[in-house]
Amino acid sequence: MTLKLLLHRIGPAFYIPLIFIAGPVVAHAQEAVDFFRGNCTSCHTIGGGRLTGPDLKDVTKRKDRAWLVQFLQSPQAMIDKGDAYALKLKEEARDVVMPNINGMSPAQAELLLTMIEAESKLPKSQFAGLQISDRPFTQQDIELGKALFMGDKRLANGGPPCVTCHTVNGAGGFGGGRLGPDLSRAFERLQGRKAMGAWLYAPATPTMSLTFSKKAMKAEEILPLLALFENTARSGAEDDRTGMAGFFAAGFVVAILCLTLFAFIWKARFRAVRDPLVELSARKVLGGRS
C-alpha cells in the first residue's frame, strides 16, 4: 500500500496532525546535515574512508552513544582524563586533536549521531567525501596551482586567493600573508591529497569556513593546488621569510625617501616665506636711516 493511498483511507483527521509532527523532525534532520557539512567534512567522511579523523560510518556500533555525546562536546577533556579510546583516536590521527566545536550541545550531538546512523544505512552517503583523482601530478598542475594560490588566476566561485592569508615556500616577491599558517608542508601534515582535498573543499577554521561557505573551491581547482602543496612538501622546507624581510626593507627605504622629500619641500617653503620677510625688513630699516 502506497503512502498516498494510506493517507486517503485514514482521512485528514489523522494525517494532518502527522504533518505537524513530521515538520520539526525534518527541520532537525536538515539542521544536523548543515551542521555536519559546515563543521565535520574537512576531517571526516561517512563511508568514504579515513581523512584526518576516522570514517564515521556505523560509529554508533563501535562506541556507545553516551560516550560519543560526551566526546563530541569536549574531545580534549576526554584525552586529558586518560580515556583509552580517546587516546587511541589521537594516536591514529597522528596526535591531531579534534577541536571543541562551537554550538556542540548534548542535543546537537544527539542530532548528529542520529543523522550519521541514517547516512550509514544508505548505499552511498552524501558525505562519502570529495572524489579526488589519484593520477600523478604534472608540472602543468603545479604551475596552475601556484597561479591559483597567488591570485594570478581567479577562483571560479569568487573566493579569495590563498596568498591573502597564507604563504608557501617559493611564493616569491614579498611572500604571502601571515594571518594563517605557512602551507609549505601542509600536504605532509594532512597525510596526502585525500585529507587535504577535503579540507580545501570544506575548511573548518572559523575564518575560512565563513569565507568559503558560499564560495567553495571546485574539484578542478583543488587538484592543482594539491599538486603545488605536494611539491612544496617534497622540498622539505618552509618559507624562509625573506619576503617579509624584503617587505620591511622596502618600507624602510620608502620611508626615508618620503622624509627626505618632505624635508626638501618644507625647506623650500621656509625660504619662500622667510626670505621676503627678511628683505622687507631690511628695506624698512634702510628707508628709516635715509
Protein backbone atom coordinates (compact mmCIF):
# COMPACT_ATOMS: atom_id res chain seq x y z
CA MET A 1 0.00 0.00 0.00
CA THR A 2 1.42 3.38 -1.01
CA LEU A 3 1.69 6.26 1.44
CA LYS A 4 -0.74 8.31 -0.65
CA LEU A 5 -3.39 5.55 -0.55
CA LEU A 6 -2.87 5.04 3.18
CA LEU A 7 -3.37 8.74 3.90
CA HIS A 8 -6.50 8.76 1.73
CA ARG A 9 -8.00 5.88 3.71
CA ILE A 10 -7.26 7.19 7.21
CA GLY A 11 -8.55 10.66 6.32
CA PRO A 12 -7.50 14.23 7.12
CA ALA A 13 -8.41 13.93 10.80
CA PHE A 14 -5.48 11.55 11.25
CA TYR A 15 -2.81 12.65 8.79
CA ILE A 16 -2.97 16.43 9.33
CA PRO A 17 -1.55 16.06 12.88
CA LEU A 18 1.19 13.90 11.38
CA ILE A 19 2.28 16.86 9.26
CA PHE A 20 2.77 18.99 12.38
CA ILE A 21 4.77 16.19 14.00
CA ALA A 22 6.93 15.47 10.94
CA GLY A 23 7.72 19.12 10.20
CA PRO A 24 10.06 19.69 13.19
CA VAL A 25 11.65 16.27 12.65
CA VAL A 26 12.57 17.17 9.07
CA ALA A 27 13.86 20.56 10.21
CA HIS A 28 16.10 18.95 12.86
CA ALA A 29 17.41 16.44 10.34
CA GLN A 30 18.37 19.25 7.95
CA GLU A 31 19.96 21.15 10.83
CA ALA A 32 22.17 18.15 11.55
CA VAL A 33 23.12 17.83 7.86
CA ASP A 34 24.05 21.51 7.66
CA PHE A 35 25.99 21.34 10.93
CA PHE A 36 27.96 18.30 9.78
CA ARG A 37 28.71 19.87 6.40
CA GLY A 38 29.97 23.07 7.99
CA ASN A 39 31.99 21.57 10.82
CA CYS A 40 32.92 17.95 10.17
CA THR A 41 33.52 17.23 6.47
CA SER A 42 37.05 18.63 6.47
CA CYS A 43 38.20 15.78 8.73
CA HIS A 44 35.57 13.02 8.44
CA THR A 45 33.58 11.08 5.86
CA ILE A 46 30.63 8.75 6.27
CA GLY A 47 31.61 5.72 4.24
CA GLY A 48 34.38 7.39 2.26
CA GLY A 49 37.36 6.26 4.29
CA ARG A 50 39.63 7.95 6.75
CA LEU A 51 40.73 11.58 6.43
CA THR A 52 42.46 13.33 9.33
CA GLY A 53 39.81 11.77 11.56
CA PRO A 54 38.15 8.36 11.28
CA ASP A 55 35.39 7.36 8.89
CA LEU A 56 32.16 7.80 10.87
CA LYS A 57 30.12 5.12 9.10
CA ASP A 58 28.48 2.94 11.81
CA VAL A 59 30.33 4.85 14.54
CA THR A 60 27.45 4.19 16.98
CA LYS A 61 28.14 0.47 16.57
CA ARG A 62 31.80 0.94 17.51
CA LYS A 63 31.22 3.00 20.65
CA ASP A 64 28.19 3.55 22.88
CA ARG A 65 26.09 6.64 22.27
CA ALA A 66 26.58 8.20 25.73
CA TRP A 67 30.36 8.15 25.30
CA LEU A 68 30.09 9.68 21.83
CA VAL A 69 27.86 12.51 23.06
CA GLN A 70 30.36 13.30 25.78
CA PHE A 71 33.34 13.11 23.43
CA LEU A 72 31.74 15.35 20.80
CA GLN A 73 31.30 18.10 23.36
CA SER A 74 34.93 18.12 24.54
CA PRO A 75 37.44 15.73 22.92
CA GLN A 76 40.40 17.28 24.74
CA ALA A 77 38.74 16.77 28.13
CA MET A 78 38.34 13.04 27.37
CA ILE A 79 42.01 12.85 26.41
CA ASP A 80 43.12 14.80 29.49
CA LYS A 81 41.39 12.36 31.81
CA GLY A 82 43.16 9.44 30.12
CA ASP A 83 40.23 7.79 28.35
CA ALA A 84 41.75 4.82 26.48
CA TYR A 85 39.58 5.10 23.37
CA ALA A 86 40.09 8.86 23.09
CA LEU A 87 43.87 8.37 23.34
CA LYS A 88 43.67 5.71 20.63
CA LEU A 89 41.83 8.15 18.32
CA LYS A 90 44.51 10.77 18.95
CA GLU A 91 47.28 8.31 18.12
CA GLU A 92 45.57 7.21 14.89
CA ALA A 93 45.23 10.88 13.90
CA ARG A 94 48.99 11.43 14.42
CA ASP A 95 48.35 13.50 17.55
CA VAL A 96 45.84 15.81 15.84
CA VAL A 97 43.14 16.53 18.42
CA MET A 98 39.59 17.29 17.35
CA PRO A 99 38.81 20.87 18.48
CA ASN A 100 35.78 21.87 20.50
CA ILE A 101 33.06 22.85 18.04
CA ASN A 102 31.01 25.95 18.68
CA GLY A 103 27.38 25.06 19.31
CA MET A 104 28.04 21.38 20.12
CA SER A 105 25.50 20.84 22.90
CA PRO A 106 24.24 17.43 24.08
CA ALA A 107 21.11 17.93 21.95
CA GLN A 108 23.20 18.83 18.88
CA ALA A 109 25.42 15.79 19.43
CA GLU A 110 22.35 13.55 19.57
CA LEU A 111 21.03 15.02 16.32
CA LEU A 112 24.39 14.44 14.64
CA LEU A 113 24.58 10.82 15.76
CA THR A 114 21.04 10.18 14.53
CA MET A 115 21.94 11.70 11.17
CA ILE A 116 25.15 9.63 10.96
CA GLU A 117 23.19 6.46 11.70
CA ALA A 118 20.75 7.27 8.89
CA GLU A 119 23.55 8.11 6.43
CA SER A 120 25.39 4.92 7.37
CA LYS A 121 22.46 2.83 6.14
CA LEU A 122 22.49 4.38 2.66
CA PRO A 123 24.31 2.69 -0.25
CA LYS A 124 26.33 5.89 -0.55
CA SER A 125 26.20 8.76 1.91
CA GLN A 126 26.16 12.36 0.73
CA PHE A 127 29.21 12.68 2.99
CA ALA A 128 31.26 9.95 1.33
CA GLY A 129 33.79 12.68 0.55
CA LEU A 130 35.14 14.64 -2.36
CA GLN A 131 36.41 12.39 -5.15
CA ILE A 132 39.99 13.43 -5.91
CA SER A 133 41.81 11.91 -8.89
CA ASP A 134 44.83 9.78 -7.96
CA ARG A 135 46.67 10.42 -11.24
CA PRO A 136 50.27 11.63 -10.94
CA PHE A 137 50.64 15.40 -10.81
CA THR A 138 52.36 17.18 -13.69
CA GLN A 139 54.46 20.33 -13.85
CA GLN A 140 51.48 22.00 -15.53
CA ASP A 141 49.35 21.14 -12.47
CA ILE A 142 51.95 22.70 -10.19
CA GLU A 143 52.12 25.90 -12.24
CA LEU A 144 48.32 26.20 -12.30
CA GLY A 145 48.24 25.58 -8.54
CA LYS A 146 50.73 28.38 -7.97
CA ALA A 147 48.68 30.73 -10.18
CA LEU A 148 45.58 29.94 -8.10
CA PHE A 149 47.50 30.30 -4.83
CA MET A 150 48.98 33.67 -5.80
CA GLY A 151 45.73 35.01 -7.28
CA ASP A 152 47.10 35.24 -10.82
CA LYS A 153 44.14 33.04 -11.76
CA ARG A 154 40.84 33.75 -10.03
CA LEU A 155 38.83 31.06 -8.25
CA ALA A 156 35.63 30.27 -10.16
CA ASN A 157 33.26 30.92 -7.25
CA GLY A 158 34.91 34.18 -6.23
CA GLY A 159 36.83 33.05 -3.15
CA PRO A 160 39.99 34.96 -2.18
CA PRO A 161 43.39 33.54 -3.23
CA CYS A 162 45.37 31.58 -0.65
CA VAL A 163 48.16 34.19 -0.62
CA THR A 164 45.78 36.62 1.13
CA CYS A 165 46.28 34.76 4.42
CA HIS A 166 48.99 32.14 3.78
CA THR A 167 52.48 31.79 2.42
CA VAL A 168 54.26 28.85 0.83
CA ASN A 169 57.88 28.12 0.02
CA GLY A 170 58.70 29.68 -3.35
CA ALA A 171 55.92 32.28 -3.25
CA GLY A 172 58.47 34.89 -4.35
CA GLY A 173 58.32 38.66 -4.06
CA PHE A 174 57.22 39.69 -0.58
CA GLY A 175 55.88 36.18 0.10
CA GLY A 176 52.34 35.58 1.28
CA GLY A 177 50.06 36.55 4.13
CA ARG A 178 50.74 35.74 7.77
CA LEU A 179 47.20 35.58 9.13
CA GLY A 180 47.11 31.81 8.52
CA PRO A 181 49.88 29.19 8.84
CA ASP A 182 52.64 28.52 6.33
CA LEU A 183 51.28 25.83 3.96
CA SER A 184 54.63 24.64 2.61
CA ARG A 185 54.34 21.30 4.41
CA ALA A 186 50.57 21.11 4.87
CA PHE A 187 50.33 18.23 2.37
CA GLU A 188 52.60 16.20 4.62
CA ARG A 189 50.86 17.22 7.86
CA LEU A 190 47.42 16.31 6.49
CA GLN A 191 48.66 12.95 5.17
CA GLY A 192 48.12 13.38 1.47
CA ARG A 193 45.74 14.52 -1.20
CA LYS A 194 42.53 12.95 0.10
CA ALA A 195 42.56 14.61 3.52
CA MET A 196 43.92 17.91 2.29
CA GLY A 197 41.47 17.93 -0.62
CA ALA A 198 38.61 17.53 1.85
CA TRP A 199 40.00 20.40 3.93
CA LEU A 200 40.25 22.70 0.93
CA TYR A 201 36.71 21.84 -0.14
CA ALA A 202 35.19 22.46 3.30
CA PRO A 203 37.66 24.23 5.61
CA ALA A 204 36.61 24.10 9.24
CA THR A 205 38.52 27.01 10.75
CA PRO A 206 36.25 29.95 11.70
CA THR A 207 37.79 32.41 9.23
CA MET A 208 37.93 30.02 6.27
CA SER A 209 34.53 28.42 6.85
CA LEU A 210 32.91 31.87 6.89
CA THR A 211 34.81 32.91 3.75
CA PHE A 212 34.22 29.76 1.69
CA SER A 213 30.80 28.63 2.93
CA LYS A 214 29.19 30.02 -0.23
CA LYS A 215 32.33 30.15 -2.38
CA ALA A 216 33.59 26.58 -2.23
CA MET A 217 36.50 25.64 -4.48
CA LYS A 218 35.79 23.33 -7.38
CA ALA A 219 37.46 19.92 -7.77
CA GLU A 220 39.34 21.14 -10.85
CA GLU A 221 40.84 23.94 -8.71
CA ILE A 222 41.63 21.76 -5.72
CA LEU A 223 43.66 19.25 -7.75
CA PRO A 224 46.32 21.75 -8.98
CA LEU A 225 46.54 23.30 -5.50
CA LEU A 226 47.24 19.82 -4.15
CA ALA A 227 49.95 19.46 -6.81
CA LEU A 228 51.55 22.68 -5.56
CA PHE A 229 51.37 21.62 -1.90
CA GLU A 230 52.76 18.16 -2.65
CA ASN A 231 55.66 19.78 -4.50
CA THR A 232 56.46 22.23 -1.68
CA ALA A 233 56.21 19.43 0.91
CA ARG A 234 58.79 17.42 -1.04
CA SER A 235 61.24 20.31 -0.78
CA GLY A 236 61.23 19.74 2.98
CA ALA A 237 61.46 23.45 3.78
CA GLU A 238 59.05 26.14 4.85
CA ASP A 239 59.05 29.73 3.64
CA ASP A 240 62.35 31.34 4.57
CA ARG A 241 60.65 34.64 5.39
CA THR A 242 62.94 36.58 3.02
CA GLY A 243 59.81 38.04 1.52
CA MET A 244 58.84 39.59 4.84
CA ALA A 245 62.39 40.89 5.36
CA GLY A 246 62.29 42.41 1.88
CA PHE A 247 58.93 43.98 2.66
CA PHE A 248 60.28 45.71 5.77
CA ALA A 249 63.48 46.74 3.95
CA ALA A 250 61.47 48.25 1.10
CA GLY A 251 59.21 50.00 3.62
CA PHE A 252 62.24 51.47 5.39
CA VAL A 253 63.71 52.77 2.11
CA VAL A 254 60.38 54.29 1.06
CA ALA A 255 60.02 55.97 4.48
CA ILE A 256 63.50 57.54 4.18
CA LEU A 257 62.72 58.80 0.68
CA CYS A 258 59.41 60.30 1.84
CA LEU A 259 61.05 62.04 4.79
CA THR A 260 63.78 63.44 2.52
CA LEU A 261 61.17 64.73 0.08
CA PHE A 262 59.15 66.32 2.88
CA ALA A 263 62.30 67.97 4.26
CA PHE A 264 63.12 69.42 0.84
CA ILE A 265 59.58 70.72 0.35
CA TRP A 266 59.49 72.22 3.85
CA LYS A 267 62.90 73.83 3.39
CA ALA A 268 61.77 75.42 0.12
CA ARG A 269 58.55 76.56 1.80
CA PHE A 270 60.51 78.02 4.70
CA ARG A 271 62.72 80.04 2.34
CA ALA A 272 59.74 81.19 0.29
CA VAL A 273 58.26 82.80 3.42
CA ARG A 274 61.41 83.86 5.31
CA ASP A 275 63.39 85.47 2.51
CA PRO A 276 60.70 88.02 1.51
CA LEU A 277 60.18 88.95 5.17
CA VAL A 278 63.91 89.48 5.72
CA GLU A 279 64.16 91.56 2.54
CA LEU A 280 61.13 93.67 3.51
CA SER A 281 62.54 94.25 6.99
CA ALA A 282 65.91 95.28 5.55
CA ARG A 283 64.24 97.79 3.21
CA LYS A 284 62.32 99.33 6.10
CA VAL A 285 65.50 99.71 8.15
CA LEU A 286 67.39 101.26 5.27
CA GLY A 287 64.47 103.54 4.44
CA GLY A 288 64.31 104.76 8.04
CA ARG A 289 68.00 105.65 8.05
CA SER A 290 67.68 107.66 4.94
